[in-house]
All heavy atoms as atom14 arrays in JSON, in Angstrom:
{
  "sequence": "IMKNVGVNFSRFRVKQPPPHTGLRVMYTPGP",
  "atom14_mask": [
    [1, 1, 1, 1, 1, 1, 1, 1, 0, 0, 0, 0, 0, 0],
    [1, 1, 1, 1, 1, 1, 1, 1, 0, 0, 0, 0, 0, 0],
    [1, 1, 1, 1, 1, 1, 1, 1, 1, 0, 0, 0, 0, 0],
    [1, 1, 1, 1, 1, 1, 1, 1, 0, 0, 0, 0, 0, 0],
    [1, 1, 1, 1, 1, 1, 1, 0, 0, 0, 0, 0, 0, 0],
    [1, 1, 1, 1, 0, 0, 0, 0, 0, 0, 0, 0, 0, 0],
    [1, 1, 1, 1, 1, 1, 1, 0, 0, 0, 0, 0, 0, 0],
    [1, 1, 1, 1, 1, 1, 1, 1, 0, 0, 0, 0, 0, 0],
    [1, 1, 1, 1, 1, 1, 1, 1, 1, 1, 1, 0, 0, 0],
    [1, 1, 1, 1, 1, 1, 0, 0, 0, 0, 0, 0, 0, 0],
    [1, 1, 1, 1, 1, 1, 1, 1, 1, 1, 1, 0, 0, 0],
    [1, 1, 1, 1, 1, 1, 1, 1, 1, 1, 1, 0, 0, 0],
    [1, 1, 1, 1, 1, 1, 1, 1, 1, 1, 1, 0, 0, 0],
    [1, 1, 1, 1, 1, 1, 1, 0, 0, 0, 0, 0, 0, 0],
    [1, 1, 1, 1, 1, 1, 1, 1, 1, 0, 0, 0, 0, 0],
    [1, 1, 1, 1, 1, 1, 1, 1, 1, 0, 0, 0, 0, 0],
    [1, 1, 1, 1, 1, 1, 1, 0, 0, 0, 0, 0, 0, 0],
    [1, 1, 1, 1, 1, 1, 1, 0, 0, 0, 0, 0, 0, 0],
    [1, 1, 1, 1, 1, 1, 1, 0, 0, 0, 0, 0, 0, 0],
    [1, 1, 1, 1, 1, 1, 1, 1, 1, 1, 0, 0, 0, 0],
    [1, 1, 1, 1, 1, 1, 1, 0, 0, 0, 0, 0, 0, 0],
    [1, 1, 1, 1, 0, 0, 0, 0, 0, 0, 0, 0, 0, 0],
    [1, 1, 1, 1, 1, 1, 1, 1, 0, 0, 0, 0, 0, 0],
    [1, 1, 1, 1, 1, 1, 1, 1, 1, 1, 1, 0, 0, 0],
    [1, 1, 1, 1, 1, 1, 1, 0, 0, 0, 0, 0, 0, 0],
    [1, 1, 1, 1, 1, 1, 1, 1, 0, 0, 0, 0, 0, 0],
    [1, 1, 1, 1, 1, 1, 1, 1, 1, 1, 1, 1, 0, 0],
    [1, 1, 1, 1, 1, 1, 1, 0, 0, 0, 0, 0, 0, 0],
    [1, 1, 1, 1, 1, 1, 1, 0, 0, 0, 0, 0, 0, 0],
    [1, 1, 1, 1, 0, 0, 0, 0, 0, 0, 0, 0, 0, 0],
    [1, 1, 1, 1, 1, 1, 1, 0, 0, 0, 0, 0, 0, 0]
  ],
  "atom14_positions": [
    [[-2.34, -17.8, 9.07], [-2.83, -18.96, 8.33], [-3.41, -18.49, 7.0], [-4.18, -17.53, 6.96], [-3.91, -19.72, 9.15], [-3.27, -20.29, 10.4], [-4.59, -20.78, 8.32], [-4.26, -20.88, 11.38], [0.0, 0.0, 0.0], [0.0, 0.0, 0.0], [0.0, 0.0, 0.0], [0.0, 0.0, 0.0], [0.0, 0.0, 0.0], [0.0, 0.0, 0.0]],
    [[-3.0, -19.16, 5.94], [-3.5, -18.86, 4.61], [-4.31, -20.07, 4.15], [-3.76, -21.14, 3.92], [-2.32, -18.6, 3.68], [-2.72, -18.06, 2.36], [-1.27, -17.44, 1.54], [-1.9, -17.36, -0.09], [0.0, 0.0, 0.0], [0.0, 0.0, 0.0], [0.0, 0.0, 0.0], [0.0, 0.0, 0.0], [0.0, 0.0, 0.0], [0.0, 0.0, 0.0]],
    [[-5.63, -19.92, 4.08], [-6.54, -21.02, 3.79], [-7.06, -20.92, 2.37], [-7.52, -19.87, 1.94], [-7.69, -21.02, 4.77], [-8.62, -22.2, 4.63], [-9.61, -22.28, 5.75], [-10.43, -23.57, 5.62], [-11.31, -23.77, 6.71], [0.0, 0.0, 0.0], [0.0, 0.0, 0.0], [0.0, 0.0, 0.0], [0.0, 0.0, 0.0], [0.0, 0.0, 0.0]],
    [[-7.02, -22.06, 1.66], [-7.55, -22.13, 0.31], [-9.07, -22.38, 0.4], [-9.5, -23.45, 0.79], [-6.89, -23.25, -0.46], [-7.35, -23.31, -1.92], [-8.26, -22.6, -2.32], [-6.72, -24.18, -2.68], [0.0, 0.0, 0.0], [0.0, 0.0, 0.0], [0.0, 0.0, 0.0], [0.0, 0.0, 0.0], [0.0, 0.0, 0.0], [0.0, 0.0, 0.0]],
    [[-9.86, -21.35, 0.1], [-11.3, -21.48, 0.18], [-11.93, -21.73, -1.2], [-13.14, -21.69, -1.37], [-11.95, -20.24, 0.83], [-11.55, -20.14, 2.28], [-11.58, -18.97, 0.07], [0.0, 0.0, 0.0], [0.0, 0.0, 0.0], [0.0, 0.0, 0.0], [0.0, 0.0, 0.0], [0.0, 0.0, 0.0], [0.0, 0.0, 0.0], [0.0, 0.0, 0.0]],
    [[-11.06, -21.99, -2.2], [-11.55, -22.29, -3.55], [-11.92, -23.76, -3.69], [-11.91, -24.53, -2.74], [0.0, 0.0, 0.0], [0.0, 0.0, 0.0], [0.0, 0.0, 0.0], [0.0, 0.0, 0.0], [0.0, 0.0, 0.0], [0.0, 0.0, 0.0], [0.0, 0.0, 0.0], [0.0, 0.0, 0.0], [0.0, 0.0, 0.0], [0.0, 0.0, 0.0]],
    [[-12.23, -24.15, -4.93], [-12.61, -25.52, -5.2], [-11.47, -26.31, -5.88], [-11.59, -27.52, -6.05], [-13.89, -25.61, -6.06], [-15.07, -25.04, -5.32], [-13.7, -24.92, -7.4], [0.0, 0.0, 0.0], [0.0, 0.0, 0.0], [0.0, 0.0, 0.0], [0.0, 0.0, 0.0], [0.0, 0.0, 0.0], [0.0, 0.0, 0.0], [0.0, 0.0, 0.0]],
    [[-10.42, -25.66, -6.27], [-9.27, -26.3, -6.9], [-8.02, -26.04, -6.07], [-7.99, -25.13, -5.26], [-9.04, -25.74, -8.31], [-10.19, -26.03, -9.24], [-10.79, -27.08, -9.18], [-10.49, -25.06, -10.1], [0.0, 0.0, 0.0], [0.0, 0.0, 0.0], [0.0, 0.0, 0.0], [0.0, 0.0, 0.0], [0.0, 0.0, 0.0], [0.0, 0.0, 0.0]],
    [[-6.98, -26.85, -6.32], [-5.72, -26.53, -5.66], [-5.15, -25.28, -6.29], [-5.39, -24.99, -7.47], [-4.74, -27.72, -5.7], [-4.08, -27.93, -7.05], [-2.9, -27.3, -7.34], [-4.65, -28.75, -8.01], [-2.28, -27.47, -8.55], [-4.05, -28.93, -9.23], [-2.86, -28.31, -9.51], [0.0, 0.0, 0.0], [0.0, 0.0, 0.0], [0.0, 0.0, 0.0]],
    [[-4.45, -24.49, -5.5], [-3.88, -23.24, -5.98], [-2.45, -23.09, -5.49], [-2.07, -23.66, -4.48], [-4.7, -22.05, -5.48], [-5.97, -22.04, -6.08], [0.0, 0.0, 0.0], [0.0, 0.0, 0.0], [0.0, 0.0, 0.0], [0.0, 0.0, 0.0], [0.0, 0.0, 0.0], [0.0, 0.0, 0.0], [0.0, 0.0, 0.0], [0.0, 0.0, 0.0]],
    [[-1.72, -22.31, -6.21], [-0.33, -22.0, -5.84], [-0.24, -20.55, -5.46], [-1.05, -19.71, -5.83], [0.58, -22.27, -7.03], [0.6, -23.71, -7.48], [1.54, -23.89, -8.68], [1.45, -25.22, -9.19], [2.12, -26.26, -8.7], [2.93, -26.08, -7.69], [1.99, -27.46, -9.23], [0.0, 0.0, 0.0], [0.0, 0.0, 0.0], [0.0, 0.0, 0.0]],
    [[0.82, -20.24, -4.71], [1.06, -18.86, -4.31], [2.55, -18.69, -4.06], [3.3, -19.67, -3.95], [0.28, -18.51, -3.04], [0.84, -19.16, -1.79], [1.73, -18.46, -0.98], [0.51, -20.46, -1.46], [2.25, -19.07, 0.17], [1.04, -21.06, -0.33], [1.91, -20.36, 0.48], [0.0, 0.0, 0.0], [0.0, 0.0, 0.0], [0.0, 0.0, 0.0]],
    [[2.98, -17.46, -4.01], [4.34, -17.14, -3.59], [4.3, -15.81, -2.86], [3.42, -14.98, -3.1], [5.33, -17.14, -4.75], [5.22, -16.04, -5.73], [6.27, -16.17, -6.83], [6.17, -15.09, -7.77], [6.78, -13.92, -7.63], [7.55, -13.7, -6.6], [6.62, -12.95, -8.53], [0.0, 0.0, 0.0], [0.0, 0.0, 0.0], [0.0, 0.0, 0.0]],
    [[5.27, -15.61, -1.99], [5.33, -14.4, -1.19], [6.5, -13.56, -1.67], [7.61, -14.03, -1.83], [5.51, -14.74, 0.32], [5.66, -13.47, 1.13], [4.37, -15.59, 0.81], [0.0, 0.0, 0.0], [0.0, 0.0, 0.0], [0.0, 0.0, 0.0], [0.0, 0.0, 0.0], [0.0, 0.0, 0.0], [0.0, 0.0, 0.0], [0.0, 0.0, 0.0]],
    [[6.2, -12.29, -1.95], [7.25, -11.33, -2.3], [7.84, -10.83, -1.0], [7.17, -10.17, -0.22], [6.62, -10.19, -3.1], [7.63, -9.23, -3.67], [6.94, -8.22, -4.55], [7.91, -7.2, -5.08], [7.24, -6.16, -5.87], [0.0, 0.0, 0.0], [0.0, 0.0, 0.0], [0.0, 0.0, 0.0], [0.0, 0.0, 0.0], [0.0, 0.0, 0.0]],
    [[9.11, -11.18, -0.76], [9.75, -10.84, 0.51], [9.89, -9.32, 0.65], [10.2, -8.62, -0.31], [11.14, -11.48, 0.6], [11.1, -13.0, 0.72], [10.52, -13.48, 2.06], [10.52, -12.76, 3.05], [10.0, -14.68, 2.04], [0.0, 0.0, 0.0], [0.0, 0.0, 0.0], [0.0, 0.0, 0.0], [0.0, 0.0, 0.0], [0.0, 0.0, 0.0]],
    [[9.6, -8.81, 1.85], [9.72, -7.36, 2.09], [11.19, -6.92, 1.99], [12.11, -7.73, 2.14], [9.23, -7.2, 3.54], [8.52, -8.45, 3.88], [9.08, -9.51, 3.0], [0.0, 0.0, 0.0], [0.0, 0.0, 0.0], [0.0, 0.0, 0.0], [0.0, 0.0, 0.0], [0.0, 0.0, 0.0], [0.0, 0.0, 0.0], [0.0, 0.0, 0.0]],
    [[11.43, -5.63, 1.74], [12.8, -5.13, 1.67], [13.52, -5.27, 3.02], [12.87, -5.23, 4.07], [12.66, -3.66, 1.27], [11.22, -3.33, 1.42], [10.45, -4.6, 1.46], [0.0, 0.0, 0.0], [0.0, 0.0, 0.0], [0.0, 0.0, 0.0], [0.0, 0.0, 0.0], [0.0, 0.0, 0.0], [0.0, 0.0, 0.0], [0.0, 0.0, 0.0]],
    [[14.85, -5.45, 2.99], [15.58, -5.68, 4.25], [15.48, -4.56, 5.28], [15.53, -4.83, 6.48], [17.02, -5.84, 3.78], [16.94, -6.16, 2.34], [15.68, -5.55, 1.84], [0.0, 0.0, 0.0], [0.0, 0.0, 0.0], [0.0, 0.0, 0.0], [0.0, 0.0, 0.0], [0.0, 0.0, 0.0], [0.0, 0.0, 0.0], [0.0, 0.0, 0.0]],
    [[15.31, -3.31, 4.86], [15.29, -2.21, 5.81], [14.06, -2.24, 6.72], [14.05, -1.6, 7.77], [15.36, -0.85, 5.09], [14.15, -0.51, 4.29], [13.03, 0.06, 4.85], [13.87, -0.65, 2.99], [12.12, 0.25, 3.91], [12.59, -0.19, 2.77], [0.0, 0.0, 0.0], [0.0, 0.0, 0.0], [0.0, 0.0, 0.0], [0.0, 0.0, 0.0]],
    [[13.01, -3.01, 6.37], [11.83, -3.13, 7.23], [12.09, -4.08, 8.39], [11.38, -4.01, 9.4], [10.63, -3.63, 6.45], [10.92, -4.94, 5.91], [10.25, -2.68, 5.32], [0.0, 0.0, 0.0], [0.0, 0.0, 0.0], [0.0, 0.0, 0.0], [0.0, 0.0, 0.0], [0.0, 0.0, 0.0], [0.0, 0.0, 0.0], [0.0, 0.0, 0.0]],
    [[13.07, -4.97, 8.26], [13.33, -5.98, 9.3], [12.37, -7.16, 9.22], [12.42, -8.04, 10.05], [0.0, 0.0, 0.0], [0.0, 0.0, 0.0], [0.0, 0.0, 0.0], [0.0, 0.0, 0.0], [0.0, 0.0, 0.0], [0.0, 0.0, 0.0], [0.0, 0.0, 0.0], [0.0, 0.0, 0.0], [0.0, 0.0, 0.0], [0.0, 0.0, 0.0]],
    [[11.48, -7.18, 8.22], [10.49, -8.25, 8.09], [11.02, -9.38, 7.21], [11.77, -9.16, 6.26], [9.2, -7.71, 7.48], [8.39, -6.8, 8.35], [7.34, -6.07, 7.53], [7.72, -7.59, 9.45], [0.0, 0.0, 0.0], [0.0, 0.0, 0.0], [0.0, 0.0, 0.0], [0.0, 0.0, 0.0], [0.0, 0.0, 0.0], [0.0, 0.0, 0.0]],
    [[10.56, -10.59, 7.53], [10.89, -11.8, 6.73], [9.7, -12.74, 6.84], [9.11, -12.89, 7.9], [12.16, -12.43, 7.24], [12.66, -13.56, 6.38], [14.03, -13.97, 6.8], [13.94, -14.7, 8.05], [14.89, -15.49, 8.53], [16.03, -15.58, 7.88], [14.74, -16.13, 9.65], [0.0, 0.0, 0.0], [0.0, 0.0, 0.0], [0.0, 0.0, 0.0]],
    [[9.34, -13.38, 5.73], [8.24, -14.35, 5.72], [8.81, -15.72, 5.4], [9.49, -15.91, 4.38], [7.17, -13.96, 4.67], [6.01, -14.93, 4.71], [6.68, -12.54, 4.9], [0.0, 0.0, 0.0], [0.0, 0.0, 0.0], [0.0, 0.0, 0.0], [0.0, 0.0, 0.0], [0.0, 0.0, 0.0], [0.0, 0.0, 0.0], [0.0, 0.0, 0.0]],
    [[8.52, -16.67, 6.28], [8.98, -18.04, 6.09], [7.76, -18.93, 5.84], [6.78, -18.87, 6.6], [9.78, -18.52, 7.28], [11.08, -17.77, 7.44], [11.95, -18.14, 8.94], [10.92, -17.3, 10.11], [0.0, 0.0, 0.0], [0.0, 0.0, 0.0], [0.0, 0.0, 0.0], [0.0, 0.0, 0.0], [0.0, 0.0, 0.0], [0.0, 0.0, 0.0]],
    [[7.82, -19.73, 4.78], [6.71, -20.62, 4.41], [7.23, -21.77, 3.58], [8.36, -21.73, 3.09], [5.63, -19.86, 3.66], [6.04, -19.36, 2.29], [5.68, -20.05, 1.13], [6.82, -18.22, 2.14], [6.07, -19.6, -0.11], [7.2, -17.76, 0.9], [6.83, -18.46, -0.23], [7.21, -18.01, -1.46], [0.0, 0.0, 0.0], [0.0, 0.0, 0.0]],
    [[6.4, -22.79, 3.42], [6.73, -23.93, 2.58], [6.05, -23.76, 1.24], [4.81, -23.76, 1.2], [6.28, -25.24, 3.24], [6.84, -25.31, 4.55], [6.7, -26.43, 2.43], [0.0, 0.0, 0.0], [0.0, 0.0, 0.0], [0.0, 0.0, 0.0], [0.0, 0.0, 0.0], [0.0, 0.0, 0.0], [0.0, 0.0, 0.0], [0.0, 0.0, 0.0]],
    [[6.79, -23.6, 0.15], [6.14, -23.42, -1.16], [5.52, -24.71, -1.66], [5.88, -25.8, -1.21], [7.3, -22.96, -2.06], [8.53, -23.45, -1.4], [8.24, -23.51, 0.08], [0.0, 0.0, 0.0], [0.0, 0.0, 0.0], [0.0, 0.0, 0.0], [0.0, 0.0, 0.0], [0.0, 0.0, 0.0], [0.0, 0.0, 0.0], [0.0, 0.0, 0.0]],
    [[4.6, -24.56, -2.6], [3.94, -25.71, -3.19], [2.44, -25.47, -3.32], [1.92, -24.5, -2.81], [0.0, 0.0, 0.0], [0.0, 0.0, 0.0], [0.0, 0.0, 0.0], [0.0, 0.0, 0.0], [0.0, 0.0, 0.0], [0.0, 0.0, 0.0], [0.0, 0.0, 0.0], [0.0, 0.0, 0.0], [0.0, 0.0, 0.0], [0.0, 0.0, 0.0]],
    [[1.74, -26.4, -4.01], [0.29, -26.21, -4.19], [-0.44, -26.47, -2.88], [0.01, -27.22, -2.02], [-0.06, -27.27, -5.22], [1.0, -28.31, -5.12], [2.24, -27.57, -4.69], [0.0, 0.0, 0.0], [0.0, 0.0, 0.0], [0.0, 0.0, 0.0], [0.0, 0.0, 0.0], [0.0, 0.0, 0.0], [0.0, 0.0, 0.0], [0.0, 0.0, 0.0]]
  ]
}
């Protein structure tokens, strides 16, 4: 869970890990 503890809306993006790690991050983009 990624919680916005600030006082304004904020944006973020995830830099996907390289394929050799076998990792993948799935999320819904937006503020």
